[in-house]
Amino acid sequence: MQALGLVWDNFDSLNADLSETISPIPAPVHFGAKLLHARWREHEKGGGFVIGRDVPSRQLSGILRNLAIFEPEVSDFRVRLAGTAFLRRFGRDITGLKLSEIFKQPNFEFHRDSMAEIVKTGVPSALDVKLKRKKRTILHCEALRLPVISPDRKGTWILSGLFFHE
């Protein structure tokens, strides 16, 4: 956790004894997730949400820190850019890392497969995520993953939002 520029605790799932509980939810619940989903739907009606054109934008300026962009690779996803909410979740900047470098098995396979399904089907995903240490909930957040168009408009990437329940 980060407060006033000081790191109070390390939530790096690779180095901490954290367990992750993920539950799909039918629709976004958090205000920021609802905002992102609404903007995404508006752009989908008009030809699609394009990285570099539709994000960053003024309409999303209040939640840019909550966003990350994932580019599909052969059997993994690379984080192209991650906001500071992901620093809070992972305890470090994940920009440039692959999912396989962020998550241990079997969590890596779950995240990779669910993101690959979003790329394949074009159907977004909303998840309720709880991180626990010794049966105590440390972080509770909502993850919204949306299919978006790559900057070169030749592929589908994932725009992920991470919104904390305080």
Protein backbone atom coordinates (compact mmCIF):
# COMPACT_ATOMS: atom_id res chain seq x y z
CA MET A 1 0.00 0.00 0.00
CA GLN A 2 1.26 3.47 -0.76
CA ALA A 3 0.34 6.58 1.22
CA LEU A 4 1.93 10.00 1.07
CA GLY A 5 4.65 8.55 -1.12
CA LEU A 6 5.64 5.93 1.47
CA VAL A 7 5.27 2.21 0.93
CA TRP A 8 3.58 0.71 4.00
CA ASP A 9 3.18 -2.86 2.85
CA ASN A 10 4.21 -4.97 -0.12
CA PHE A 11 1.42 -6.68 -2.04
CA ASP A 12 3.66 -8.30 -4.63
CA SER A 13 1.90 -11.62 -5.23
CA LEU A 14 5.18 -13.22 -6.28
CA ASN A 15 6.85 -12.59 -2.93
CA ALA A 16 4.02 -12.50 -0.42
CA ASP A 17 1.83 -15.25 0.97
CA LEU A 18 -1.32 -13.93 -0.67
CA SER A 19 -4.24 -15.92 -1.97
CA GLU A 20 -6.44 -14.50 -4.70
CA THR A 21 -10.18 -15.16 -4.83
CA ILE A 22 -11.85 -14.20 -8.12
CA SER A 23 -15.58 -14.15 -8.71
CA PRO A 24 -17.19 -13.12 -12.00
CA ILE A 25 -19.85 -10.43 -11.68
CA PRO A 26 -22.56 -9.77 -14.28
CA ALA A 27 -21.89 -6.03 -14.59
CA PRO A 28 -19.55 -3.39 -13.17
CA VAL A 29 -20.43 -2.16 -9.68
CA HIS A 30 -17.72 0.37 -8.80
CA PHE A 31 -18.32 3.94 -10.00
CA GLY A 32 -15.04 4.04 -11.96
CA ALA A 33 -15.74 0.68 -13.59
CA LYS A 34 -19.22 1.84 -14.60
CA LEU A 35 -17.74 5.00 -16.13
CA LEU A 36 -15.16 3.04 -18.12
CA HIS A 37 -17.75 0.52 -19.29
CA ALA A 38 -20.15 3.26 -20.39
CA ARG A 39 -17.41 5.04 -22.42
CA TRP A 40 -16.36 1.73 -23.98
CA ARG A 41 -19.97 0.97 -25.02
CA GLU A 42 -20.32 4.43 -26.61
CA HIS A 43 -17.20 3.86 -28.70
CA GLU A 44 -18.21 0.31 -29.62
CA LYS A 45 -21.34 1.70 -31.28
CA GLY A 46 -19.15 4.03 -33.36
CA GLY A 47 -16.60 1.57 -34.70
CA GLY A 48 -14.69 0.57 -31.60
CA PHE A 49 -12.52 1.82 -28.78
CA VAL A 50 -9.02 2.53 -30.14
CA ILE A 51 -5.89 2.77 -27.98
CA GLY A 52 -4.21 6.12 -28.60
CA ARG A 53 -7.36 7.73 -29.94
CA ASP A 54 -9.96 7.05 -27.23
CA VAL A 55 -7.60 6.59 -24.30
CA PRO A 56 -6.13 8.70 -22.86
CA SER A 57 -9.01 11.15 -22.98
CA ARG A 58 -10.53 13.89 -20.85
CA GLN A 59 -13.60 11.78 -20.21
CA LEU A 60 -11.42 9.14 -18.56
CA SER A 61 -8.90 11.47 -16.90
CA GLY A 62 -10.21 10.72 -13.41
CA ILE A 63 -9.56 6.99 -13.78
CA LEU A 64 -6.38 6.85 -15.90
CA ARG A 65 -4.43 5.68 -12.83
CA ASN A 66 -6.76 2.66 -12.73
CA LEU A 67 -6.07 1.51 -16.29
CA ALA A 68 -3.63 -0.90 -17.88
CA ILE A 69 -3.21 -1.98 -21.49
CA PHE A 70 -2.35 -5.59 -22.32
CA GLU A 71 -1.02 -6.68 -25.72
CA PRO A 72 -1.50 -10.34 -26.67
CA GLU A 73 1.61 -12.35 -27.49
CA VAL A 74 1.87 -15.95 -28.66
CA SER A 75 0.84 -17.57 -25.35
CA ASP A 76 0.96 -14.63 -22.98
CA PHE A 77 0.04 -10.95 -22.61
CA ARG A 78 2.48 -8.06 -22.16
CA VAL A 79 1.60 -5.00 -20.10
CA ARG A 80 2.15 -2.02 -22.38
CA LEU A 81 1.25 0.57 -19.75
CA ALA A 82 -0.10 0.35 -16.19
CA GLY A 83 -1.46 3.04 -13.90
CA THR A 84 -0.60 3.45 -10.23
CA ALA A 85 -3.56 1.33 -9.09
CA PHE A 86 -1.59 -1.64 -10.40
CA LEU A 87 1.38 -0.56 -8.27
CA ARG A 88 -0.89 -0.83 -5.24
CA ARG A 89 -2.13 -4.27 -6.32
CA PHE A 90 1.23 -5.79 -7.29
CA GLY A 91 3.67 -3.80 -5.15
CA ARG A 92 5.70 -2.71 -8.18
CA ASP A 93 5.35 -1.21 -11.62
CA ILE A 94 4.21 -3.98 -13.97
CA THR A 95 4.68 -1.99 -17.19
CA GLY A 96 6.64 -4.12 -19.65
CA LEU A 97 6.10 -7.39 -17.80
CA LYS A 98 4.25 -10.43 -19.10
CA LEU A 99 1.34 -12.03 -17.24
CA SER A 100 3.58 -15.06 -16.69
CA GLU A 101 6.03 -12.77 -14.84
CA ILE A 102 3.28 -11.27 -12.68
CA PHE A 103 1.26 -14.34 -11.66
CA LYS A 104 2.23 -17.79 -10.40
CA GLN A 105 0.50 -20.94 -11.62
CA PRO A 106 -2.49 -21.57 -11.67
CA ASN A 107 -3.45 -17.87 -11.46
CA PHE A 108 -1.40 -17.14 -14.58
CA GLU A 109 -3.36 -19.69 -16.61
CA PHE A 110 -6.69 -18.32 -15.35
CA HIS A 111 -5.82 -14.72 -16.25
CA ARG A 112 -4.24 -15.65 -19.60
CA ASP A 113 -7.17 -17.85 -20.63
CA SER A 114 -9.82 -15.34 -19.57
CA MET A 115 -8.06 -12.53 -21.45
CA ALA A 116 -7.62 -14.73 -24.52
CA GLU A 117 -11.37 -15.44 -24.41
CA ILE A 118 -12.10 -11.70 -24.38
CA VAL A 119 -9.86 -11.20 -27.43
CA LYS A 120 -11.55 -14.11 -29.20
CA THR A 121 -15.18 -13.26 -28.40
CA GLY A 122 -15.10 -9.49 -27.92
CA VAL A 123 -17.15 -9.89 -24.72
CA PRO A 124 -15.95 -7.85 -21.72
CA SER A 125 -15.43 -9.34 -18.28
CA ALA A 126 -16.05 -7.95 -14.78
CA LEU A 127 -14.48 -9.63 -11.78
CA ASP A 128 -14.62 -9.20 -8.02
CA VAL A 129 -11.10 -9.79 -6.66
CA LYS A 130 -10.09 -10.33 -3.05
CA LEU A 131 -6.50 -10.73 -1.91
CA LYS A 132 -6.13 -12.49 1.41
CA ARG A 133 -3.21 -13.08 3.71
CA LYS A 134 -3.76 -15.54 6.56
CA LYS A 135 -7.55 -15.53 5.99
CA ARG A 136 -7.70 -11.73 6.29
CA THR A 137 -8.79 -9.65 3.28
CA ILE A 138 -5.94 -7.26 2.48
CA LEU A 139 -7.31 -5.78 -0.76
CA HIS A 140 -10.75 -5.89 -2.35
CA CYS A 141 -11.11 -4.60 -5.88
CA GLU A 142 -13.07 -4.90 -9.08
CA ALA A 143 -11.36 -5.69 -12.37
CA LEU A 144 -13.01 -4.73 -15.65
CA ARG A 145 -11.45 -6.11 -18.83
CA LEU A 146 -12.50 -4.76 -22.19
CA PRO A 147 -11.55 -5.69 -25.74
CA VAL A 148 -10.10 -2.67 -27.53
CA ILE A 149 -8.51 -1.99 -30.90
CA SER A 150 -4.71 -1.79 -31.04
CA PRO A 151 -3.10 1.54 -32.02
CA ASP A 152 -2.34 0.23 -35.54
CA ARG A 153 -5.97 -0.98 -35.79
CA LYS A 154 -4.80 -4.49 -36.78
CA GLY A 155 -5.56 -6.42 -33.61
CA THR A 156 -7.46 -6.66 -30.37
CA TRP A 157 -5.83 -5.74 -27.07
CA ILE A 158 -7.21 -5.67 -23.53
CA LEU A 159 -7.93 -2.50 -21.59
CA SER A 160 -8.12 -3.43 -17.92
CA GLY A 161 -9.44 -1.28 -15.13
CA LEU A 162 -8.67 -1.97 -11.48
CA PHE A 163 -10.94 -0.24 -8.96
CA PHE A 164 -10.53 -0.64 -5.19
CA HIS A 165 -13.35 -0.99 -2.70
CA GLU A 166 -12.24 0.89 0.39
